[in-house]
Amino acid sequence: MFDIGFQELIVIFVIALLVFGPKKLPELARTLGKGMAELKRAFTDAKLEIDREVRLEQEESEKKGSLAADPAGGEQAEKPAGEQTVEDGKKA
């Protein structure tokens, strides 16, 4: 994610140790870890929601496309018994 090497991490840790002190550093790290986990979870949930909405939208557009090509919706209407059909010229 970030292009940070081992030496940069040590420098950041030493600066944080000097700024916050050894007593508050574990609490700060815990809070930072929880915040990062919550942020990651929120991004994952948002991504899943967007993917689901896109998939639903694609399915709806495919249905509309297939209905436009076949106005009957791909289903044959039932013919009442005794009516003459055009296709075969016989009574059903």
C-alpha atoms as a PDB file:
ATOM      1  CA  MET A   1       0.000   0.000   0.000  1.00  0.00           C
ATOM      2  CA  PHE A   2       2.656   2.508   1.071  1.00  0.00           C
ATOM      3  CA  ASP A   3       6.217   2.298  -0.091  1.00  0.00           C
ATOM      4  CA  ILE A   4       7.735   2.472   3.399  1.00  0.00           C
ATOM      5  CA  GLY A   5      10.855   0.506   4.221  1.00  0.00           C
ATOM      6  CA  PHE A   6      12.069  -0.853   7.530  1.00  0.00           C
ATOM      7  CA  GLN A   7      14.284   2.158   8.246  1.00  0.00           C
ATOM      8  CA  GLU A   8      11.394   4.582   7.694  1.00  0.00           C
ATOM      9  CA  LEU A   9       9.238   2.576  10.099  1.00  0.00           C
ATOM     10  CA  ILE A  10      11.934   2.774  12.786  1.00  0.00           C
ATOM     11  CA  VAL A  11      12.213   6.544  12.337  1.00  0.00           C
ATOM     12  CA  ILE A  12       8.423   6.941  12.597  1.00  0.00           C
ATOM     13  CA  PHE A  13       8.383   4.743  15.726  1.00  0.00           C
ATOM     14  CA  VAL A  14      11.172   6.735  17.404  1.00  0.00           C
ATOM     15  CA  ILE A  15       9.453  10.050  16.621  1.00  0.00           C
ATOM     16  CA  ALA A  16       6.144   8.713  17.973  1.00  0.00           C
ATOM     17  CA  LEU A  17       7.933   7.468  21.093  1.00  0.00           C
ATOM     18  CA  LEU A  18       9.475  10.896  21.667  1.00  0.00           C
ATOM     19  CA  VAL A  19       6.231  12.785  21.006  1.00  0.00           C
ATOM     20  CA  PHE A  20       3.770  10.590  22.919  1.00  0.00           C
ATOM     21  CA  GLY A  21       5.998   8.914  25.465  1.00  0.00           C
ATOM     22  CA  PRO A  22       6.299   5.252  26.428  1.00  0.00           C
ATOM     23  CA  LYS A  23       3.119   5.240  28.551  1.00  0.00           C
ATOM     24  CA  LYS A  24       0.723   6.514  25.887  1.00  0.00           C
ATOM     25  CA  LEU A  25       2.305   4.779  22.896  1.00  0.00           C
ATOM     26  CA  PRO A  26       0.593   1.359  23.418  1.00  0.00           C
ATOM     27  CA  GLU A  27      -2.781   3.052  23.877  1.00  0.00           C
ATOM     28  CA  LEU A  28      -2.186   5.146  20.758  1.00  0.00           C
ATOM     29  CA  ALA A  29      -1.176   2.073  18.750  1.00  0.00           C
ATOM     30  CA  ARG A  30      -4.273   0.179  19.926  1.00  0.00           C
ATOM     31  CA  THR A  31      -6.551   3.083  18.995  1.00  0.00           C
ATOM     32  CA  LEU A  32      -4.845   3.491  15.635  1.00  0.00           C
ATOM     33  CA  GLY A  33      -5.200  -0.239  14.926  1.00  0.00           C
ATOM     34  CA  LYS A  34      -8.899  -0.218  15.786  1.00  0.00           C
ATOM     35  CA  GLY A  35      -9.426   2.833  13.610  1.00  0.00           C
ATOM     36  CA  MET A  36      -7.648   1.263  10.664  1.00  0.00           C
ATOM     37  CA  ALA A  37      -9.648  -1.962  11.046  1.00  0.00           C
ATOM     38  CA  GLU A  38     -12.907  -0.013  11.161  1.00  0.00           C
ATOM     39  CA  LEU A  39     -11.904   2.014   8.101  1.00  0.00           C
ATOM     40  CA  LYS A  40     -10.992  -1.146   6.194  1.00  0.00           C
ATOM     41  CA  ARG A  41     -14.322  -2.735   7.159  1.00  0.00           C
ATOM     42  CA  ALA A  42     -16.219   0.368   5.998  1.00  0.00           C
ATOM     43  CA  PHE A  43     -14.410   0.363   2.635  1.00  0.00           C
ATOM     44  CA  THR A  44     -15.113  -3.340   2.187  1.00  0.00           C
ATOM     45  CA  ASP A  45     -18.806  -2.874   2.990  1.00  0.00           C
ATOM     46  CA  ALA A  46     -19.051   0.066   0.594  1.00  0.00           C
ATOM     47  CA  LYS A  47     -17.353  -1.929  -2.166  1.00  0.00           C
ATOM     48  CA  LEU A  48     -19.694  -4.887  -1.650  1.00  0.00           C
ATOM     49  CA  GLU A  49     -22.727  -2.593  -1.715  1.00  0.00           C
ATOM     50  CA  ILE A  50     -21.571  -0.917  -4.929  1.00  0.00           C
ATOM     51  CA  ASP A  51     -20.866  -4.296  -6.556  1.00  0.00           C
ATOM     52  CA  ARG A  52     -24.315  -5.545  -5.552  1.00  0.00           C
ATOM     53  CA  GLU A  53     -26.030  -2.447  -6.960  1.00  0.00           C
ATOM     54  CA  VAL A  54     -24.103  -2.709 -10.232  1.00  0.00           C
ATOM     55  CA  ARG A  55     -25.017  -6.386 -10.554  1.00  0.00           C
ATOM     56  CA  LEU A  56     -28.708  -5.642  -9.910  1.00  0.00           C
ATOM     57  CA  GLU A  57     -28.646  -2.803 -12.437  1.00  0.00           C
ATOM     58  CA  GLN A  58     -27.063  -5.086 -15.050  1.00  0.00           C
ATOM     59  CA  GLU A  59     -29.686  -7.772 -14.432  1.00  0.00           C
ATOM     60  CA  GLU A  60     -32.490  -5.211 -14.809  1.00  0.00           C
ATOM     61  CA  SER A  61     -31.024  -3.859 -18.045  1.00  0.00           C
ATOM     62  CA  GLU A  62     -30.667  -7.415 -19.400  1.00  0.00           C
ATOM     63  CA  LYS A  63     -34.306  -8.114 -18.564  1.00  0.00           C
ATOM     64  CA  LYS A  64     -35.396  -4.895 -20.266  1.00  0.00           C
ATOM     65  CA  GLY A  65     -33.278  -5.781 -23.293  1.00  0.00           C
ATOM     66  CA  SER A  66     -34.789  -9.244 -23.564  1.00  0.00           C
ATOM     67  CA  LEU A  67     -38.317  -7.862 -23.119  1.00  0.00           C
ATOM     68  CA  ALA A  68     -37.733  -5.335 -25.895  1.00  0.00           C
ATOM     69  CA  ALA A  69     -36.614  -8.122 -28.247  1.00  0.00           C
ATOM     70  CA  ASP A  70     -39.535 -10.383 -27.262  1.00  0.00           C
ATOM     71  CA  PRO A  71     -42.636  -8.325 -26.288  1.00  0.00           C
ATOM     72  CA  ALA A  72     -44.424 -11.439 -25.015  1.00  0.00           C
ATOM     73  CA  GLY A  73     -41.669 -11.879 -22.479  1.00  0.00           C
ATOM     74  CA  GLY A  74     -40.629 -15.216 -23.899  1.00  0.00           C
ATOM     75  CA  GLU A  75     -43.800 -16.928 -22.724  1.00  0.00           C
ATOM     76  CA  GLN A  76     -46.596 -18.239 -24.913  1.00  0.00           C
ATOM     77  CA  ALA A  77     -50.061 -17.091 -23.980  1.00  0.00           C
ATOM     78  CA  GLU A  78     -52.497 -19.891 -23.284  1.00  0.00           C
ATOM     79  CA  LYS A  79     -55.183 -20.356 -25.911  1.00  0.00           C
ATOM     80  CA  PRO A  80     -58.703 -21.089 -24.773  1.00  0.00           C
ATOM     81  CA  ALA A  81     -59.970 -24.506 -25.800  1.00  0.00           C
ATOM     82  CA  GLY A  82     -61.953 -24.504 -29.004  1.00  0.00           C
ATOM     83  CA  GLU A  83     -60.356 -21.444 -30.604  1.00  0.00           C
ATOM     84  CA  GLN A  84     -58.854 -21.784 -34.037  1.00  0.00           C
ATOM     85  CA  THR A  85     -55.136 -21.157 -34.187  1.00  0.00           C
ATOM     86  CA  VAL A  86     -53.412 -19.291 -36.987  1.00  0.00           C
ATOM     87  CA  GLU A  87     -50.381 -21.542 -37.089  1.00  0.00           C
ATOM     88  CA  ASP A  88     -52.068 -24.828 -37.875  1.00  0.00           C
ATOM     89  CA  GLY A  89     -55.568 -23.841 -38.935  1.00  0.00           C
ATOM     90  CA  LYS A  90     -57.031 -26.432 -36.561  1.00  0.00           C
ATOM     91  CA  LYS A  91     -59.028 -26.176 -33.388  1.00  0.00           C
ATOM     92  CA  ALA A  92     -57.028 -26.521 -30.231  1.00  0.00           C
END
